[in-house]
Amino acid sequence: MSRLSFKSFCIEFYARHIGSTGADVYRMFSESGLLKTLDDDYEDLHGLGWEALMPMFDEYLGRNPK
């Protein structure tokens, strides 16, 4: 999976996870620095499934999971 595909995957799945739009999640990821982290830590993160990534994103963004 390319870095761009991975970031798109993360944005779309997180949008579903929190009931938001991809555009809003992209903005959250960008403003919080998470988008850069996904790029910088791609090698470590791209093998994780959404089950592991969603709680990690919740924690990173300081959100309470649904």
C-alpha atoms as a PDB file:
ATOM      1  CA  MET A   1       0.000   0.000   0.000  1.00  0.00           C
ATOM      2  CA  SER A   2       1.399   3.400  -0.927  1.00  0.00           C
ATOM      3  CA  ARG A   3       1.692   6.166   1.648  1.00  0.00           C
ATOM      4  CA  LEU A   4      -1.095   8.103  -0.055  1.00  0.00           C
ATOM      5  CA  SER A   5      -3.393   5.063  -0.098  1.00  0.00           C
ATOM      6  CA  PHE A   6      -2.627   4.413   3.563  1.00  0.00           C
ATOM      7  CA  LYS A   7      -3.450   7.980   4.581  1.00  0.00           C
ATOM      8  CA  SER A   8      -6.671   7.851   2.546  1.00  0.00           C
ATOM      9  CA  PHE A   9      -7.587   4.551   4.208  1.00  0.00           C
ATOM     10  CA  CYS A  10      -6.999   6.053   7.654  1.00  0.00           C
ATOM     11  CA  ILE A  11      -9.007   9.189   6.913  1.00  0.00           C
ATOM     12  CA  GLU A  12     -11.981   7.336   5.436  1.00  0.00           C
ATOM     13  CA  PHE A  13     -12.144   4.688   8.166  1.00  0.00           C
ATOM     14  CA  TYR A  14     -11.768   7.276  10.919  1.00  0.00           C
ATOM     15  CA  ALA A  15     -14.530   9.365   9.345  1.00  0.00           C
ATOM     16  CA  ARG A  16     -16.823   6.320   9.544  1.00  0.00           C
ATOM     17  CA  HIS A  17     -15.615   5.593  13.069  1.00  0.00           C
ATOM     18  CA  ILE A  18     -16.642   9.021  14.349  1.00  0.00           C
ATOM     19  CA  GLY A  19     -19.557   9.641  11.981  1.00  0.00           C
ATOM     20  CA  SER A  20     -17.919  12.560  10.207  1.00  0.00           C
ATOM     21  CA  THR A  21     -16.808  13.455   6.706  1.00  0.00           C
ATOM     22  CA  GLY A  22     -13.476  12.692   5.129  1.00  0.00           C
ATOM     23  CA  ALA A  23     -12.867  16.419   4.674  1.00  0.00           C
ATOM     24  CA  ASP A  24     -13.401  17.097   8.388  1.00  0.00           C
ATOM     25  CA  VAL A  25     -11.143  14.217   9.393  1.00  0.00           C
ATOM     26  CA  TYR A  26      -8.458  15.337   6.930  1.00  0.00           C
ATOM     27  CA  ARG A  27      -8.564  18.778   8.564  1.00  0.00           C
ATOM     28  CA  MET A  28      -8.343  17.232  12.077  1.00  0.00           C
ATOM     29  CA  PHE A  29      -5.444  14.988  11.060  1.00  0.00           C
ATOM     30  CA  SER A  30      -3.629  17.861   9.367  1.00  0.00           C
ATOM     31  CA  GLU A  31      -4.099  20.399  12.170  1.00  0.00           C
ATOM     32  CA  SER A  32      -3.139  17.937  14.909  1.00  0.00           C
ATOM     33  CA  GLY A  33      -0.013  16.681  13.146  1.00  0.00           C
ATOM     34  CA  LEU A  34      -1.428  13.166  12.797  1.00  0.00           C
ATOM     35  CA  LEU A  35      -1.220  13.316   9.006  1.00  0.00           C
ATOM     36  CA  LYS A  36       2.527  13.949   9.253  1.00  0.00           C
ATOM     37  CA  THR A  37       2.851  11.154  11.829  1.00  0.00           C
ATOM     38  CA  LEU A  38       1.128   8.737   9.437  1.00  0.00           C
ATOM     39  CA  ASP A  39       3.671   9.672   6.793  1.00  0.00           C
ATOM     40  CA  ASP A  40       6.688   9.626   9.125  1.00  0.00           C
ATOM     41  CA  ASP A  41       5.714   6.332  10.804  1.00  0.00           C
ATOM     42  CA  TYR A  42       4.327   4.653   7.689  1.00  0.00           C
ATOM     43  CA  GLU A  43       6.666   1.669   7.929  1.00  0.00           C
ATOM     44  CA  ASP A  44       5.474   0.854  11.454  1.00  0.00           C
ATOM     45  CA  LEU A  45       1.778   1.635  10.980  1.00  0.00           C
ATOM     46  CA  HIS A  46       0.734   0.481   7.516  1.00  0.00           C
ATOM     47  CA  GLY A  47       0.490  -3.158   8.543  1.00  0.00           C
ATOM     48  CA  LEU A  48      -2.003  -2.447  11.316  1.00  0.00           C
ATOM     49  CA  GLY A  49      -5.700  -2.991  10.756  1.00  0.00           C
ATOM     50  CA  TRP A  50      -8.427  -0.500  11.436  1.00  0.00           C
ATOM     51  CA  GLU A  51      -9.156  -2.239  14.770  1.00  0.00           C
ATOM     52  CA  ALA A  52      -5.768  -1.092  16.065  1.00  0.00           C
ATOM     53  CA  LEU A  53      -5.629   2.252  14.289  1.00  0.00           C
ATOM     54  CA  MET A  54      -8.978   3.728  15.368  1.00  0.00           C
ATOM     55  CA  PRO A  55      -8.237   3.620  19.136  1.00  0.00           C
ATOM     56  CA  MET A  56      -4.760   4.995  18.435  1.00  0.00           C
ATOM     57  CA  PHE A  57      -6.267   7.920  16.506  1.00  0.00           C
ATOM     58  CA  ASP A  58      -8.829   8.519  19.276  1.00  0.00           C
ATOM     59  CA  GLU A  59      -6.030   8.725  21.810  1.00  0.00           C
ATOM     60  CA  TYR A  60      -3.812  10.902  19.614  1.00  0.00           C
ATOM     61  CA  LEU A  61      -6.676  13.329  19.007  1.00  0.00           C
ATOM     62  CA  GLY A  62      -7.827  13.271  22.633  1.00  0.00           C
ATOM     63  CA  ARG A  63     -11.259  11.932  21.703  1.00  0.00           C
ATOM     64  CA  ASN A  64     -13.397   9.544  23.693  1.00  0.00           C
ATOM     65  CA  PRO A  65     -14.330   6.526  21.595  1.00  0.00           C
ATOM     66  CA  LYS A  66     -17.970   5.990  20.743  1.00  0.00           C
END
